[in-house]
N, C-alpha and C. Protein backbone atom coordinates (compact mmCIF):
# COMPACT_ATOMS: atom_id res chain seq x y z
N VAL A 1 0.94 -1.14 0.07
CA VAL A 1 -0.11 0.24 0.21
C VAL A 1 1.29 1.10 -0.09
N GLN A 2 0.54 2.13 -0.98
CA GLN A 2 1.29 3.37 -1.05
C GLN A 2 0.09 4.32 -1.01
N LEU A 3 0.93 5.76 0.19
CA LEU A 3 0.25 6.95 0.23
C LEU A 3 1.05 7.65 -0.68
N VAL A 4 -0.17 8.38 -1.64
CA VAL A 4 0.21 8.92 -2.98
C VAL A 4 -0.49 10.66 -2.99
N GLU A 5 0.27 11.47 -2.37
CA GLU A 5 -0.16 12.98 -2.23
C GLU A 5 -0.08 13.54 -3.12
N SER A 6 -0.85 14.49 -3.71
CA SER A 6 -0.88 15.24 -4.59
C SER A 6 -1.57 16.90 -4.20
N GLY A 7 -1.30 18.02 -5.32
CA GLY A 7 -2.15 19.17 -4.90
C GLY A 7 -1.34 20.20 -4.00
N GLY A 8 -0.15 20.03 -3.76
CA GLY A 8 0.72 21.02 -2.97
C GLY A 8 1.25 21.87 -3.78
N GLY A 9 2.06 22.90 -3.38
CA GLY A 9 2.78 23.87 -4.41
C GLY A 9 2.75 25.38 -3.69
N LEU A 10 3.19 26.55 -4.60
CA LEU A 10 2.54 27.44 -4.11
C LEU A 10 1.32 28.10 -3.90
N GLY A 11 0.84 28.78 -2.55
CA GLY A 11 -0.33 29.26 -2.17
C GLY A 11 0.19 30.66 -1.84
N GLN A 12 -1.28 31.85 -1.83
CA GLN A 12 -1.26 32.92 -1.39
C GLN A 12 -1.71 33.34 -0.01
N PRO A 13 -0.90 33.88 0.54
CA PRO A 13 -1.46 34.43 1.86
C PRO A 13 -3.18 34.89 1.38
N GLY A 14 -3.89 34.32 2.12
CA GLY A 14 -5.66 34.47 2.34
C GLY A 14 -6.17 33.38 0.99
N GLY A 15 -5.36 32.76 0.75
CA GLY A 15 -5.59 31.72 -0.58
C GLY A 15 -6.10 30.36 -0.32
N SER A 16 -6.22 29.72 -1.25
CA SER A 16 -7.00 27.87 -0.50
C SER A 16 -5.69 27.16 -1.99
N LEU A 17 -5.63 26.23 -0.92
CA LEU A 17 -4.85 25.13 -1.68
C LEU A 17 -5.74 23.69 -1.36
N ARG A 18 -5.69 22.55 -2.39
CA ARG A 18 -6.47 21.43 -2.00
C ARG A 18 -5.38 20.17 -1.96
N LEU A 19 -5.30 19.69 -1.02
CA LEU A 19 -4.34 18.34 -0.94
C LEU A 19 -5.08 17.14 -1.08
N SER A 20 -4.51 16.47 -1.95
CA SER A 20 -5.26 14.82 -1.84
C SER A 20 -4.21 13.56 -1.52
N CYS A 21 -4.83 12.42 -1.28
CA CYS A 21 -4.17 11.55 -0.97
C CYS A 21 -4.53 9.97 -1.34
N PHE A 22 -4.37 9.56 -2.02
CA PHE A 22 -4.70 8.45 -2.73
C PHE A 22 -4.02 7.00 -2.13
N ALA A 23 -4.46 6.03 -1.27
CA ALA A 23 -4.62 5.27 -1.31
C ALA A 23 -3.99 3.88 -2.11
N SER A 24 -2.98 4.04 -2.93
CA SER A 24 -2.95 3.22 -3.62
C SER A 24 -2.39 1.79 -3.72
N GLY A 25 -3.03 0.41 -3.87
CA GLY A 25 -2.92 -0.78 -3.60
C GLY A 25 -3.78 -1.14 -2.30
N MET A 26 -4.90 -0.38 -2.01
CA MET A 26 -5.71 -0.81 -0.77
C MET A 26 -7.35 -0.75 -0.92
N ILE A 27 -7.59 -1.90 -1.26
CA ILE A 27 -9.24 -2.18 -1.22
C ILE A 27 -10.13 -1.20 -0.41
N TRP A 28 -11.50 -0.76 -0.75
CA TRP A 28 -12.22 -0.07 -0.17
C TRP A 28 -12.50 -0.43 1.19
N SER A 29 -12.53 -1.50 1.37
CA SER A 29 -12.80 -1.95 2.28
C SER A 29 -12.01 -1.85 3.70
N THR A 30 -10.90 -1.77 3.39
CA THR A 30 -9.65 -1.76 4.46
C THR A 30 -9.58 -0.19 4.61
N PHE A 31 -9.64 0.07 3.57
CA PHE A 31 -9.59 1.98 3.52
C PHE A 31 -10.62 2.49 4.67
N THR A 32 -11.99 1.87 4.70
CA THR A 32 -12.60 2.13 5.83
C THR A 32 -12.06 1.77 7.37
N MET A 33 -11.02 1.13 7.44
CA MET A 33 -10.53 0.88 8.64
C MET A 33 -9.52 1.50 9.08
N ASN A 34 -9.32 2.27 8.66
CA ASN A 34 -8.00 3.31 8.76
C ASN A 34 -8.69 4.63 9.04
N THR A 35 -7.71 5.11 10.25
CA THR A 35 -7.96 6.49 10.49
C THR A 35 -7.27 7.26 9.50
N MET A 36 -7.45 8.39 8.79
CA MET A 36 -6.65 9.03 8.01
C MET A 36 -6.20 10.55 8.40
N GLY A 37 -5.31 10.75 8.15
CA GLY A 37 -4.80 11.88 8.72
C GLY A 37 -3.85 12.98 7.67
N TRP A 38 -3.61 13.90 7.97
CA TRP A 38 -2.54 15.00 7.43
C TRP A 38 -1.64 15.72 8.76
N TYR A 39 -0.58 15.57 8.37
CA TYR A 39 0.61 16.11 9.60
C TYR A 39 1.21 16.89 8.76
N ARG A 40 2.44 17.84 9.51
CA ARG A 40 3.32 18.84 8.37
C ARG A 40 4.03 18.80 9.27
N GLN A 41 5.61 19.35 8.90
CA GLN A 41 6.57 19.54 9.50
C GLN A 41 7.52 20.11 8.65
N THR A 42 8.31 21.39 9.59
CA THR A 42 9.10 22.48 8.97
C THR A 42 10.41 22.25 9.64
N PRO A 43 11.38 22.51 8.84
CA PRO A 43 12.81 22.37 9.33
C PRO A 43 13.37 22.44 10.72
N GLY A 44 13.53 21.25 11.37
CA GLY A 44 14.52 21.36 13.01
C GLY A 44 13.09 21.59 13.59
N ASN A 45 11.99 20.99 13.28
CA ASN A 45 10.93 20.70 13.92
C ASN A 45 10.16 19.24 13.93
N GLN A 46 9.49 19.10 14.76
CA GLN A 46 8.75 17.60 14.65
C GLN A 46 7.78 17.53 13.87
N ARG A 47 6.99 16.58 13.36
CA ARG A 47 5.71 16.52 13.01
C ARG A 47 4.94 16.51 13.65
N GLU A 48 3.93 17.54 13.46
CA GLU A 48 2.99 17.99 14.19
C GLU A 48 1.44 17.22 13.29
N LEU A 49 0.58 17.08 13.94
CA LEU A 49 -0.84 16.42 13.37
C LEU A 49 -1.46 17.80 12.90
N VAL A 50 -1.94 17.75 11.50
CA VAL A 50 -2.85 18.86 11.19
C VAL A 50 -4.46 18.30 11.64
N ALA A 51 -4.96 17.47 11.07
CA ALA A 51 -6.25 16.67 11.12
C ALA A 51 -5.95 15.23 11.16
N THR A 52 -7.02 14.47 11.29
CA THR A 52 -7.43 13.31 11.44
C THR A 52 -9.05 13.14 11.02
N ILE A 53 -9.12 11.73 10.29
CA ILE A 53 -10.78 11.64 10.15
C ILE A 53 -10.79 10.29 10.28
N ALA A 54 -11.51 9.78 11.26
CA ALA A 54 -12.11 7.93 11.02
C ALA A 54 -12.95 8.05 10.10
N HIS A 55 -13.04 6.65 9.39
CA HIS A 55 -14.63 6.23 8.81
C HIS A 55 -15.78 6.69 9.70
N GLY A 56 -16.66 7.59 9.24
CA GLY A 56 -18.01 7.45 10.14
C GLY A 56 -17.70 8.52 11.08
N GLY A 57 -16.49 9.29 11.19
CA GLY A 57 -16.35 9.58 12.91
C GLY A 57 -16.09 11.22 12.60
N SER A 58 -15.69 12.00 13.43
CA SER A 58 -16.05 13.63 13.42
C SER A 58 -14.58 13.52 13.29
N PRO A 59 -14.15 14.65 12.15
CA PRO A 59 -12.92 14.97 12.02
C PRO A 59 -12.42 15.99 13.47
N ASN A 60 -11.19 15.80 13.57
CA ASN A 60 -10.20 16.23 14.70
C ASN A 60 -9.15 17.01 14.21
N TYR A 61 -8.99 18.39 14.85
CA TYR A 61 -8.05 19.08 14.45
C TYR A 61 -7.25 20.15 15.16
N ALA A 62 -6.05 20.09 14.90
CA ALA A 62 -4.76 21.39 15.52
C ALA A 62 -5.40 22.65 15.58
N ASP A 63 -5.51 23.13 16.37
CA ASP A 63 -5.82 24.81 16.88
C ASP A 63 -5.63 25.68 16.01
N SER A 64 -4.14 24.94 15.28
CA SER A 64 -3.73 26.57 14.72
C SER A 64 -4.81 26.36 13.02
N VAL A 65 -5.43 25.19 13.24
CA VAL A 65 -6.06 25.13 11.49
C VAL A 65 -7.29 25.21 11.83
N LYS A 66 -8.08 25.04 12.89
CA LYS A 66 -9.28 24.83 13.10
C LYS A 66 -10.36 26.23 12.45
N GLY A 67 -11.19 25.68 11.89
CA GLY A 67 -12.21 27.21 10.95
C GLY A 67 -11.40 27.41 9.78
N ARG A 68 -10.20 26.92 9.65
CA ARG A 68 -9.36 27.27 7.70
C ARG A 68 -9.04 26.15 7.42
N PHE A 69 -9.00 24.80 7.78
CA PHE A 69 -8.32 23.58 7.08
C PHE A 69 -10.04 22.97 7.37
N THR A 70 -9.99 21.71 6.13
CA THR A 70 -11.35 20.83 6.19
C THR A 70 -10.66 19.21 5.67
N ILE A 71 -10.90 18.45 6.25
CA ILE A 71 -10.14 17.06 6.16
C ILE A 71 -11.83 16.49 5.60
N SER A 72 -11.70 15.54 4.86
CA SER A 72 -12.71 15.14 4.20
C SER A 72 -11.98 13.48 3.62
N ARG A 73 -13.01 12.35 3.47
CA ARG A 73 -12.75 11.31 2.79
C ARG A 73 -13.49 11.10 1.94
N ASN A 74 -12.81 9.74 0.99
CA ASN A 74 -14.05 9.32 0.04
C ASN A 74 -13.47 7.88 0.25
N ALA A 75 -14.31 6.78 0.76
CA ALA A 75 -14.13 5.48 0.46
C ALA A 75 -14.06 4.92 -0.84
N SER A 76 -15.06 5.23 -1.70
CA SER A 76 -14.76 4.71 -2.90
C SER A 76 -13.58 5.15 -3.97
N ARG A 77 -13.15 6.11 -3.41
CA ARG A 77 -12.00 6.67 -4.32
C ARG A 77 -10.83 6.56 -3.43
N LYS A 78 -10.96 5.83 -2.43
CA LYS A 78 -9.73 5.51 -1.47
C LYS A 78 -8.95 6.90 -1.26
N THR A 79 -9.65 8.06 -0.82
CA THR A 79 -8.67 9.07 -1.11
C THR A 79 -9.20 10.01 0.06
N VAL A 80 -8.26 10.51 0.67
CA VAL A 80 -8.52 11.64 1.93
C VAL A 80 -8.31 12.97 1.20
N TYR A 81 -9.01 13.60 1.68
CA TYR A 81 -8.31 15.22 1.36
C TYR A 81 -8.25 16.45 2.34
N LEU A 82 -7.54 17.24 1.69
CA LEU A 82 -7.17 18.30 2.91
C LEU A 82 -7.53 19.63 2.08
N GLU A 83 -8.83 20.49 2.28
CA GLU A 83 -8.88 21.75 1.90
C GLU A 83 -7.97 22.82 2.98
N MET A 84 -7.52 23.47 2.12
CA MET A 84 -6.61 24.76 3.36
C MET A 84 -7.20 25.93 2.48
N ASN A 85 -7.99 26.49 3.56
CA ASN A 85 -8.39 28.08 3.28
C ASN A 85 -7.72 29.13 4.16
N ASN A 86 -7.75 30.31 3.74
CA ASN A 86 -7.03 31.18 4.90
C ASN A 86 -5.82 31.09 4.56
N LEU A 87 -5.30 30.92 3.98
CA LEU A 87 -3.69 30.31 4.36
C LEU A 87 -2.69 31.32 5.08
N THR A 88 -1.59 30.98 5.86
CA THR A 88 -0.99 32.14 6.06
C THR A 88 0.63 31.62 5.66
N PRO A 89 1.54 32.63 6.09
CA PRO A 89 3.24 31.61 5.80
C PRO A 89 3.38 30.87 7.10
N GLU A 90 2.55 30.78 7.99
CA GLU A 90 2.88 29.85 9.01
C GLU A 90 2.45 28.57 8.29
N ASP A 91 1.66 28.72 7.59
CA ASP A 91 1.36 26.79 7.35
C ASP A 91 2.61 26.33 5.78
N THR A 92 3.59 26.95 5.89
CA THR A 92 4.20 26.35 5.03
C THR A 92 5.12 25.46 5.57
N ALA A 93 5.21 24.16 4.85
CA ALA A 93 5.57 22.88 5.64
C ALA A 93 5.67 22.10 4.60
N ILE A 94 6.26 20.62 4.81
CA ILE A 94 6.03 19.35 3.94
C ILE A 94 4.79 18.97 4.96
N TYR A 95 3.48 18.48 4.14
CA TYR A 95 2.28 17.97 4.43
C TYR A 95 2.77 16.35 4.34
N TYR A 96 2.44 15.52 5.16
CA TYR A 96 2.18 14.25 4.65
C TYR A 96 0.85 13.03 5.27
N CYS A 97 0.71 12.58 4.36
CA CYS A 97 -0.32 11.70 4.72
C CYS A 97 0.18 10.47 5.39
N SER A 98 -0.83 10.27 5.51
CA SER A 98 -1.22 9.06 7.15
C SER A 98 -2.53 8.19 7.14
N ARG A 99 -2.18 7.04 7.40
CA ARG A 99 -3.15 6.00 7.82
C ARG A 99 -2.78 5.57 9.21
N LYS A 100 -3.48 5.18 9.66
CA LYS A 100 -3.37 4.30 11.26
C LYS A 100 -4.57 3.35 11.42
N ILE A 101 -3.91 2.20 11.81
CA ILE A 101 -4.68 1.02 11.90
C ILE A 101 -4.07 0.05 12.81
N ASP A 102 -4.37 -0.50 13.88
CA ASP A 102 -4.12 -1.56 14.84
C ASP A 102 -2.70 -0.75 15.63
N SER A 103 -2.67 0.56 15.97
CA SER A 103 -1.77 1.47 16.42
C SER A 103 -0.62 1.56 15.38
N GLU A 104 -0.54 1.24 14.44
CA GLU A 104 0.32 1.61 13.30
C GLU A 104 0.04 2.60 12.48
N ILE A 105 1.09 3.54 12.47
CA ILE A 105 0.97 4.85 11.51
C ILE A 105 2.02 4.73 10.22
N TYR A 106 1.32 5.17 9.09
CA TYR A 106 1.79 5.01 8.03
C TYR A 106 1.97 5.89 7.34
N TRP A 107 3.30 6.74 6.22
CA TRP A 107 3.47 8.00 5.99
C TRP A 107 3.33 7.57 4.36
N GLY A 108 2.95 8.87 3.79
CA GLY A 108 3.26 9.07 2.74
C GLY A 108 4.45 10.03 2.43
N GLN A 109 4.75 10.15 1.04
CA GLN A 109 6.52 10.58 1.35
C GLN A 109 6.17 12.23 1.36
N GLY A 110 5.36 12.56 1.42
CA GLY A 110 5.48 14.14 1.83
C GLY A 110 5.43 14.90 0.62
N ILE A 111 4.36 16.38 0.57
CA ILE A 111 4.56 16.91 -0.31
C ILE A 111 4.89 18.43 0.18
N GLN A 112 5.23 19.38 -0.63
CA GLN A 112 5.50 20.99 0.03
C GLN A 112 4.62 21.61 -0.35
N VAL A 113 4.24 22.82 0.68
CA VAL A 113 3.02 23.69 0.64
C VAL A 113 3.91 25.19 0.78
N THR A 114 4.04 25.82 0.30
CA THR A 114 4.65 27.07 0.59
C THR A 114 3.36 28.16 0.16
N VAL A 115 3.64 28.91 1.49
CA VAL A 115 2.51 30.41 1.53
C VAL A 115 3.66 31.54 1.35
N SER A 116 3.19 31.99 0.27
CA SER A 116 4.29 33.21 0.10
C SER A 116 3.38 34.10 -1.11
N SER A 117 3.99 35.52 -1.01
CA SER A 117 3.05 36.61 -1.88
C SER A 117 4.28 36.90 -3.11
């Protein structure tokens, strides 16, 4: 199983970007068993949680993104999304897609998001 992220790049302050993460090689029923999420990391800092969502569950967000970011998932497409609005330069980071099952976390390769005018 591979988590394949897309949609990163350059965004402007106050603008929006949408990240997608496709669970390649996973059947949809297994996808529903995973809690999917997004984390981010900046140089010299630990990876931090952005948002997570379980199948049929309520999303969980970091305080820093509440009201600006929205996580969602589509089981039939085996994809998790992160809609990022009202971007700030502090959102600049490498964003990692994750899946968690049986206390094990697996990561995507990461995708760069840069917020700058």
